[in-house]
Amino acid sequence: MRRAARIAACLVLAGTLAGTLAGCGSDSDFGQLGGLLWGNVTSIGGEGASITRNQAAAISFASIGVRYASGPEAMLVLATKSGGESEWLAGTQVSIITRAGRIVRTVGLPHNLSGVQGPLADTGPDAVPGSYHYLYDFAESRVFGVVVTCTQQDAGAESIAIIGATHETRHIVEKCHAPQLDWDFQNDFWKDAATGAVLKSEQNVHPRAETVTIEVLRPEQ
């Protein structure tokens, strides 16, 4: 579907969940639409509230549920897919871009990730076996090319539930370190046991940001 149609659907969706689109399309900051989706507990029912099966089924586009810290879950709809990257939108001010389930750019969070390059293999005498790294950009801090070195391990099989449906997954734990920012963090990915697609994740995108949790509500076609 064309981008314009998907954006229109995002606007309708945001209005359904938040009850208002005040500020949508304006130059207002996070305190407007972003605040409704991420910080206002009335957006879909309260602290920790989740998208329901009926809410997810009402949207015919590929969609994800996104939770910032322990706040309410918001639904984002696939707007575009290009070069292996998928852009998910809620209204016009909240955007998350993923690549194979990994967050590589955010707009509308309290602190945003501007871009990710990699993964790149670590080489040399000091490289930890199995390690790899990314280059992170944080435009709001004018910091670019931050080296984030990671290792991962398979934590085993795990059953997870998303909007009432059970999925068999492999739980992949990724531990990362960015010496330049004195930042240590962990990302968790739950990959479909049959296809390897990421169905759920808990990711860290900024040293000052809370964890972002993503669940695939309606997969991409």
C-alpha atoms as a PDB file:
ATOM      1  CA  MET A   1       0.000   0.000   0.000  1.00  0.00           C
ATOM      2  CA  ARG A   2       1.177   3.495  -0.758  1.00  0.00           C
ATOM      3  CA  ARG A   3       2.880   5.494   1.984  1.00  0.00           C
ATOM      4  CA  ALA A   4       0.136   8.145   2.054  1.00  0.00           C
ATOM      5  CA  ALA A   5      -2.540   5.543   2.709  1.00  0.00           C
ATOM      6  CA  ARG A   6      -0.535   3.972   5.498  1.00  0.00           C
ATOM      7  CA  ILE A   7       0.120   7.345   7.124  1.00  0.00           C
ATOM      8  CA  ALA A   8      -3.596   8.077   6.993  1.00  0.00           C
ATOM      9  CA  ALA A   9      -4.214   4.768   8.736  1.00  0.00           C
ATOM     10  CA  CYS A  10      -1.655   5.687  11.390  1.00  0.00           C
ATOM     11  CA  LEU A  11      -3.473   8.940  12.040  1.00  0.00           C
ATOM     12  CA  VAL A  12      -6.794   7.147  12.431  1.00  0.00           C
ATOM     13  CA  LEU A  13      -5.156   4.610  14.714  1.00  0.00           C
ATOM     14  CA  ALA A  14      -3.553   7.252  16.896  1.00  0.00           C
ATOM     15  CA  GLY A  15      -6.907   8.959  17.243  1.00  0.00           C
ATOM     16  CA  THR A  16      -8.541   5.657  18.215  1.00  0.00           C
ATOM     17  CA  LEU A  17      -5.998   4.888  20.907  1.00  0.00           C
ATOM     18  CA  ALA A  18      -5.363   8.346  22.266  1.00  0.00           C
ATOM     19  CA  GLY A  19      -8.797   9.863  21.773  1.00  0.00           C
ATOM     20  CA  THR A  20      -7.356  13.034  20.208  1.00  0.00           C
ATOM     21  CA  LEU A  21      -4.852  14.215  17.632  1.00  0.00           C
ATOM     22  CA  ALA A  22      -4.238  17.623  19.141  1.00  0.00           C
ATOM     23  CA  GLY A  23      -0.901  18.846  17.867  1.00  0.00           C
ATOM     24  CA  CYS A  24      -0.654  16.178  15.169  1.00  0.00           C
ATOM     25  CA  GLY A  25       1.177  17.536  12.168  1.00  0.00           C
ATOM     26  CA  SER A  26       2.363  20.632  13.964  1.00  0.00           C
ATOM     27  CA  ASP A  27       5.866  21.505  15.090  1.00  0.00           C
ATOM     28  CA  SER A  28       5.043  20.635  18.701  1.00  0.00           C
ATOM     29  CA  ASP A  29       7.483  18.464  20.587  1.00  0.00           C
ATOM     30  CA  PHE A  30       7.312  15.192  22.476  1.00  0.00           C
ATOM     31  CA  GLY A  31       4.712  16.643  24.804  1.00  0.00           C
ATOM     32  CA  GLN A  32       2.077  16.510  22.049  1.00  0.00           C
ATOM     33  CA  LEU A  33       1.396  13.287  20.103  1.00  0.00           C
ATOM     34  CA  GLY A  34       4.525  11.616  21.408  1.00  0.00           C
ATOM     35  CA  GLY A  35       3.392  12.398  24.938  1.00  0.00           C
ATOM     36  CA  LEU A  36      -0.013  10.919  24.261  1.00  0.00           C
ATOM     37  CA  LEU A  37       1.447   7.654  23.041  1.00  0.00           C
ATOM     38  CA  TRP A  38       4.405   7.261  25.370  1.00  0.00           C
ATOM     39  CA  GLY A  39       3.747   9.238  28.519  1.00  0.00           C
ATOM     40  CA  ASN A  40       0.002   9.639  28.962  1.00  0.00           C
ATOM     41  CA  VAL A  41      -1.502   6.631  30.713  1.00  0.00           C
ATOM     42  CA  THR A  42      -4.923   7.410  29.232  1.00  0.00           C
ATOM     43  CA  SER A  43      -3.750   6.480  25.738  1.00  0.00           C
ATOM     44  CA  ILE A  44      -5.012   2.896  25.927  1.00  0.00           C
ATOM     45  CA  GLY A  45      -6.067   2.400  29.493  1.00  0.00           C
ATOM     46  CA  GLY A  46      -3.344   2.972  32.063  1.00  0.00           C
ATOM     47  CA  GLU A  47       0.151   2.193  33.271  1.00  0.00           C
ATOM     48  CA  GLY A  48       1.339  -1.042  31.667  1.00  0.00           C
ATOM     49  CA  ALA A  49      -1.826  -1.506  29.582  1.00  0.00           C
ATOM     50  CA  SER A  50      -1.437  -3.664  26.482  1.00  0.00           C
ATOM     51  CA  ILE A  51      -2.923  -3.708  23.008  1.00  0.00           C
ATOM     52  CA  THR A  52      -5.849  -6.148  22.878  1.00  0.00           C
ATOM     53  CA  ARG A  53      -6.524  -8.742  20.208  1.00  0.00           C
ATOM     54  CA  ASN A  54      -9.556  -6.775  19.018  1.00  0.00           C
ATOM     55  CA  GLN A  55      -7.545  -3.553  18.692  1.00  0.00           C
ATOM     56  CA  ALA A  56      -4.846  -5.345  16.709  1.00  0.00           C
ATOM     57  CA  ALA A  57      -7.405  -7.094  14.486  1.00  0.00           C
ATOM     58  CA  ALA A  58      -9.102  -3.799  13.657  1.00  0.00           C
ATOM     59  CA  ILE A  59      -6.033  -2.656  11.700  1.00  0.00           C
ATOM     60  CA  SER A  60      -5.443  -4.487   8.418  1.00  0.00           C
ATOM     61  CA  PHE A  61      -1.829  -3.317   8.012  1.00  0.00           C
ATOM     62  CA  ALA A  62       1.345  -4.844   9.438  1.00  0.00           C
ATOM     63  CA  SER A  63       1.704  -3.481  12.956  1.00  0.00           C
ATOM     64  CA  ILE A  64       3.779  -3.648  16.117  1.00  0.00           C
ATOM     65  CA  GLY A  65       3.051  -2.919  19.752  1.00  0.00           C
ATOM     66  CA  VAL A  66       5.626  -0.628  21.357  1.00  0.00           C
ATOM     67  CA  ARG A  67       6.073   0.053  25.048  1.00  0.00           C
ATOM     68  CA  TYR A  68       8.472   2.655  26.501  1.00  0.00           C
ATOM     69  CA  ALA A  69       9.639   1.608  29.987  1.00  0.00           C
ATOM     70  CA  SER A  70       6.552   0.408  31.884  1.00  0.00           C
ATOM     71  CA  GLY A  71       4.131   2.752  30.147  1.00  0.00           C
ATOM     72  CA  PRO A  72       1.085   1.787  28.079  1.00  0.00           C
ATOM     73  CA  GLU A  73       1.577  -0.081  24.832  1.00  0.00           C
ATOM     74  CA  ALA A  74       1.025   1.886  21.605  1.00  0.00           C
ATOM     75  CA  MET A  75       0.392   0.457  18.151  1.00  0.00           C
ATOM     76  CA  LEU A  76       2.582   1.538  15.233  1.00  0.00           C
ATOM     77  CA  VAL A  77       1.741   0.703  11.621  1.00  0.00           C
ATOM     78  CA  LEU A  78       4.156  -0.175   8.829  1.00  0.00           C
ATOM     79  CA  ALA A  79       4.507   2.864   6.561  1.00  0.00           C
ATOM     80  CA  THR A  80       7.387   1.943   4.252  1.00  0.00           C
ATOM     81  CA  LYS A  81       9.867  -0.848   3.696  1.00  0.00           C
ATOM     82  CA  SER A  82      13.052  -0.219   1.736  1.00  0.00           C
ATOM     83  CA  GLY A  83      16.572  -1.595   1.695  1.00  0.00           C
ATOM     84  CA  GLY A  84      15.805  -4.075   4.440  1.00  0.00           C
ATOM     85  CA  GLU A  85      14.509  -1.362   6.784  1.00  0.00           C
ATOM     86  CA  SER A  86      10.912  -0.990   7.958  1.00  0.00           C
ATOM     87  CA  GLU A  87       9.464   2.319   9.133  1.00  0.00           C
ATOM     88  CA  TRP A  88       6.677   2.132  11.713  1.00  0.00           C
ATOM     89  CA  LEU A  89       4.531   5.188  12.414  1.00  0.00           C
ATOM     90  CA  ALA A  90       2.055   6.475  14.978  1.00  0.00           C
ATOM     91  CA  GLY A  91       0.694   9.761  13.707  1.00  0.00           C
ATOM     92  CA  THR A  92       3.286  12.121  12.273  1.00  0.00           C
ATOM     93  CA  GLN A  93       5.637  12.558  15.212  1.00  0.00           C
ATOM     94  CA  VAL A  94       6.447   9.037  16.400  1.00  0.00           C
ATOM     95  CA  SER A  95       8.549   6.783  14.175  1.00  0.00           C
ATOM     96  CA  ILE A  96      10.640   3.678  14.731  1.00  0.00           C
ATOM     97  CA  ILE A  97      12.780   2.171  11.998  1.00  0.00           C
ATOM     98  CA  THR A  98      13.836  -1.462  12.344  1.00  0.00           C
ATOM     99  CA  ARG A  99      16.199  -3.719  10.451  1.00  0.00           C
ATOM    100  CA  ALA A 100      15.592  -7.445  10.947  1.00  0.00           C
ATOM    101  CA  GLY A 101      13.870  -6.605  14.220  1.00  0.00           C
ATOM    102  CA  ARG A 102      16.619  -4.302  15.504  1.00  0.00           C
ATOM    103  CA  ILE A 103      15.826  -0.646  16.191  1.00  0.00           C
ATOM    104  CA  VAL A 104      18.104   1.531  14.059  1.00  0.00           C
ATOM    105  CA  ARG A 105      16.387   4.920  14.338  1.00  0.00           C
ATOM    106  CA  THR A 106      13.729   6.552  16.511  1.00  0.00           C
ATOM    107  CA  VAL A 107      11.770   9.795  16.421  1.00  0.00           C
ATOM    108  CA  GLY A 108       9.468  11.004  19.186  1.00  0.00           C
ATOM    109  CA  LEU A 109      11.050   9.274  22.181  1.00  0.00           C
ATOM    110  CA  PRO A 110      12.421  11.319  25.078  1.00  0.00           C
ATOM    111  CA  HIS A 111      15.921  10.490  23.763  1.00  0.00           C
ATOM    112  CA  ASN A 112      16.453   9.246  20.228  1.00  0.00           C
ATOM    113  CA  LEU A 113      18.776   7.026  18.249  1.00  0.00           C
ATOM    114  CA  SER A 114      19.661   8.709  14.946  1.00  0.00           C
ATOM    115  CA  GLY A 115      21.241   5.786  13.116  1.00  0.00           C
ATOM    116  CA  VAL A 116      23.017   2.443  13.339  1.00  0.00           C
ATOM    117  CA  GLN A 117      25.645   0.935  11.065  1.00  0.00           C
ATOM    118  CA  GLY A 118      26.604  -2.726  11.310  1.00  0.00           C
ATOM    119  CA  PRO A 119      26.992  -5.305  12.598  1.00  0.00           C
ATOM    120  CA  LEU A 120      30.707  -5.278  11.808  1.00  0.00           C
ATOM    121  CA  ALA A 121      32.994  -8.157  12.765  1.00  0.00           C
ATOM    122  CA  ASP A 122      35.596  -7.446  15.442  1.00  0.00           C
ATOM    123  CA  THR A 123      39.132  -8.382  14.398  1.00  0.00           C
ATOM    124  CA  GLY A 124      42.611  -8.019  15.839  1.00  0.00           C
ATOM    125  CA  PRO A 125      44.496  -9.501  18.793  1.00  0.00           C
ATOM    126  CA  ASP A 126      42.249  -7.874  21.413  1.00  0.00           C
ATOM    127  CA  ALA A 127      38.950  -8.931  19.852  1.00  0.00           C
ATOM    128  CA  VAL A 128      36.744 -11.150  22.006  1.00  0.00           C
ATOM    129  CA  PRO A 129      35.767 -14.351  20.151  1.00  0.00           C
ATOM    130  CA  GLY A 130      32.298 -14.000  18.707  1.00  0.00           C
ATOM    131  CA  SER A 131      32.137 -10.256  19.321  1.00  0.00           C
ATOM    132  CA  TYR A 132      30.926  -7.709  16.783  1.00  0.00           C
ATOM    133  CA  HIS A 133      30.212  -4.003  16.843  1.00  0.00           C
ATOM    134  CA  TYR A 134      27.877  -1.313  15.640  1.00  0.00           C
ATOM    135  CA  LEU A 135      28.327   2.409  15.057  1.00  0.00           C
ATOM    136  CA  TYR A 136      25.624   4.466  16.782  1.00  0.00           C
ATOM    137  CA  ASP A 137      24.706   8.076  15.997  1.00  0.00           C
ATOM    138  CA  PHE A 138      23.032  10.445  18.474  1.00  0.00           C
ATOM    139  CA  ALA A 139      22.334  13.665  16.593  1.00  0.00           C
ATOM    140  CA  GLU A 140      20.685  15.429  19.551  1.00  0.00           C
ATOM    141  CA  SER A 141      23.983  15.127  21.450  1.00  0.00           C
ATOM    142  CA  ARG A 142      26.090  15.731  18.329  1.00  0.00           C
ATOM    143  CA  VAL A 143      27.828  12.401  18.911  1.00  0.00           C
ATOM    144  CA  PHE A 144      28.374  10.172  15.896  1.00  0.00           C
ATOM    145  CA  GLY A 145      30.079   6.875  15.140  1.00  0.00           C
ATOM    146  CA  VAL A 146      29.993   5.583  18.727  1.00  0.00           C
ATOM    147  CA  VAL A 147      31.449   2.071  18.767  1.00  0.00           C
ATOM    148  CA  VAL A 148      29.100  -0.368  20.505  1.00  0.00           C
ATOM    149  CA  THR A 149      30.697  -3.791  20.971  1.00  0.00           C
ATOM    150  CA  CYS A 150      28.390  -6.751  21.547  1.00  0.00           C
ATOM    151  CA  THR A 151      28.326 -10.488  22.158  1.00  0.00           C
ATOM    152  CA  GLN A 152      25.301 -12.739  22.191  1.00  0.00           C
ATOM    153  CA  GLN A 153      24.196 -16.064  23.523  1.00  0.00           C
ATOM    154  CA  ASP A 154      21.242 -18.351  22.952  1.00  0.00           C
ATOM    155  CA  ALA A 155      19.326 -18.564  26.225  1.00  0.00           C
ATOM    156  CA  GLY A 156      17.269 -21.473  24.933  1.00  0.00           C
ATOM    157  CA  ALA A 157      13.740 -22.229  23.862  1.00  0.00           C
ATOM    158  CA  GLU A 158      10.970 -20.096  25.307  1.00  0.00           C
ATOM    159  CA  SER A 159       7.235 -19.836  24.754  1.00  0.00           C
ATOM    160  CA  ILE A 160       5.879 -16.290  24.615  1.00  0.00           C
ATOM    161  CA  ALA A 161       2.349 -14.922  24.292  1.00  0.00           C
ATOM    162  CA  ILE A 162       1.430 -11.977  22.070  1.00  0.00           C
ATOM    163  CA  ILE A 163      -2.203 -10.754  22.122  1.00  0.00           C
ATOM    164  CA  GLY A 164      -3.269 -14.157  23.412  1.00  0.00           C
ATOM    165  CA  ALA A 165      -1.402 -16.305  20.868  1.00  0.00           C
ATOM    166  CA  THR A 166       1.463 -18.557  21.971  1.00  0.00           C
ATOM    167  CA  HIS A 167       4.700 -18.622  19.962  1.00  0.00           C
ATOM    168  CA  GLU A 168       7.669 -20.961  20.262  1.00  0.00           C
ATOM    169  CA  THR A 169      10.892 -18.946  20.164  1.00  0.00           C
ATOM    170  CA  ARG A 170      14.609 -18.930  20.840  1.00  0.00           C
ATOM    171  CA  HIS A 171      15.589 -16.293  23.384  1.00  0.00           C
ATOM    172  CA  ILE A 172      18.734 -14.477  22.234  1.00  0.00           C
ATOM    173  CA  VAL A 173      20.538 -12.330  24.823  1.00  0.00           C
ATOM    174  CA  GLU A 174      22.850  -9.612  23.517  1.00  0.00           C
ATOM    175  CA  LYS A 175      25.202  -7.787  25.885  1.00  0.00           C
ATOM    176  CA  CYS A 176      26.802  -4.572  24.670  1.00  0.00           C
ATOM    177  CA  HIS A 177      29.329  -1.996  25.817  1.00  0.00           C
ATOM    178  CA  ALA A 178      30.063   1.508  24.524  1.00  0.00           C
ATOM    179  CA  PRO A 179      33.279   2.694  26.259  1.00  0.00           C
ATOM    180  CA  GLN A 180      33.041   6.187  24.780  1.00  0.00           C
ATOM    181  CA  LEU A 181      29.750   6.747  26.645  1.00  0.00           C
ATOM    182  CA  ASP A 182      30.478   4.461  29.626  1.00  0.00           C
ATOM    183  CA  TRP A 183      27.287   2.640  28.632  1.00  0.00           C
ATOM    184  CA  ASP A 184      26.611  -1.036  29.288  1.00  0.00           C
ATOM    185  CA  PHE A 185      23.291  -2.554  28.285  1.00  0.00           C
ATOM    186  CA  GLN A 186      21.485  -5.726  27.305  1.00  0.00           C
ATOM    187  CA  ASN A 187      19.097  -6.395  24.442  1.00  0.00           C
ATOM    188  CA  ASP A 188      16.794  -9.419  24.375  1.00  0.00           C
ATOM    189  CA  PHE A 189      15.321 -10.881  21.193  1.00  0.00           C
ATOM    190  CA  TRP A 190      12.744 -13.648  20.950  1.00  0.00           C
ATOM    191  CA  LYS A 191      13.036 -15.233  17.498  1.00  0.00           C
ATOM    192  CA  ASP A 192      10.476 -17.526  15.935  1.00  0.00           C
ATOM    193  CA  ALA A 193      11.817 -21.060  16.343  1.00  0.00           C
ATOM    194  CA  ALA A 194      10.883 -21.988  12.766  1.00  0.00           C
ATOM    195  CA  THR A 195      11.654 -18.840  10.755  1.00  0.00           C
ATOM    196  CA  GLY A 196      14.146 -16.894  12.882  1.00  0.00           C
ATOM    197  CA  ALA A 197      12.037 -13.735  12.603  1.00  0.00           C
ATOM    198  CA  VAL A 198      12.089 -11.486  15.670  1.00  0.00           C
ATOM    199  CA  LEU A 199       8.649 -11.628  17.298  1.00  0.00           C
ATOM    200  CA  LYS A 200       9.467  -9.689  20.447  1.00  0.00           C
ATOM    201  CA  SER A 201      12.383  -7.645  21.720  1.00  0.00           C
ATOM    202  CA  GLU A 202      13.508  -5.479  24.616  1.00  0.00           C
ATOM    203  CA  GLN A 203      16.061  -2.972  23.332  1.00  0.00           C
ATOM    204  CA  ASN A 204      18.074  -0.031  24.609  1.00  0.00           C
ATOM    205  CA  VAL A 205      18.545   2.831  22.170  1.00  0.00           C
ATOM    206  CA  HIS A 206      20.142   5.627  24.195  1.00  0.00           C
ATOM    207  CA  PRO A 207      22.197   5.926  27.410  1.00  0.00           C
ATOM    208  CA  ARG A 208      19.519   8.173  28.967  1.00  0.00           C
ATOM    209  CA  ALA A 209      16.479   6.349  27.602  1.00  0.00           C
ATOM    210  CA  GLU A 210      14.400   3.567  29.115  1.00  0.00           C
ATOM    211  CA  THR A 211      14.006   0.133  27.527  1.00  0.00           C
ATOM    212  CA  VAL A 212      11.807  -0.107  24.428  1.00  0.00           C
ATOM    213  CA  THR A 213       9.734  -3.294  24.122  1.00  0.00           C
ATOM    214  CA  ILE A 214       8.381  -4.325  20.728  1.00  0.00           C
ATOM    215  CA  GLU A 215       5.903  -7.091  19.915  1.00  0.00           C
ATOM    216  CA  VAL A 216       4.862  -8.036  16.384  1.00  0.00           C
ATOM    217  CA  LEU A 217       1.069  -7.787  16.304  1.00  0.00           C
ATOM    218  CA  ARG A 218       0.524  -8.355  12.577  1.00  0.00           C
ATOM    219  CA  PRO A 219       3.658  -9.489  10.678  1.00  0.00           C
ATOM    220  CA  GLU A 220       4.905  -7.949   7.472  1.00  0.00           C
ATOM    221  CA  GLN A 221       3.886  -9.711   4.290  1.00  0.00           C
END
